[in-house]
Structures are given as structure tokens and as C-alpha cells.
């Protein structure tokens, strides 16, 4: 039995990656070093809620929320921007605060 190919988890990226990795090298190194280190540490320590918060932050950095009149995205649910903290959007998607 063969396993399905694993692709980068960044929005709209279909780059193949190794099993057990989250992102392709281009997207991983696009994140700030402190965030990469924190994601790895919380994952290894199995701190699920902290990992979810950091992962959400990473996804916002990699793919900022669309503005109200942006066309819908091809993949998944389109988040809706409800507010901004400085230049960072605060959004809801699939019923969860991001």
C-alpha cells in the first residue's frame, strides 16, 4: 500500500514535502525564526493549544485574510476579516477565532 503524497500546508501551495513536515522550505523560512522555534518546541512538548495559536499566527503571516471584495479562494473556507490589530487581521474561519 502506498501513502498519499504530502503537500505543503501553506494556503494555495501544492509543493511536495517529506512526511512529518508541515511546510515546504520556502514557506517555512518565510516565517520569523522565533515563530519557527516556538512551533517546533510546542509540537515536541505536545502543547496542543499553544501549537494551535502559533500555527494560526503562521498561517496569517503566510496568507493574510482577504479584504471584503477579494474574490473567493480556491482552497478551503475563505476567512472573513472582522478587525485589525495594527496591520494584522483578526479573522474568523470555520467558527474559530484565528
Foldseek 3Di string as FASTA:
>chain_A
DDDDFDAAQAPPGGHTDDPPDHHDPVLLVLDDPVLNVQLVVCVVVVVVVSNVVSVVVSNCSRPPADAPPDDDDPDAWRWYFDDDDVPGTFTDDPRDTD
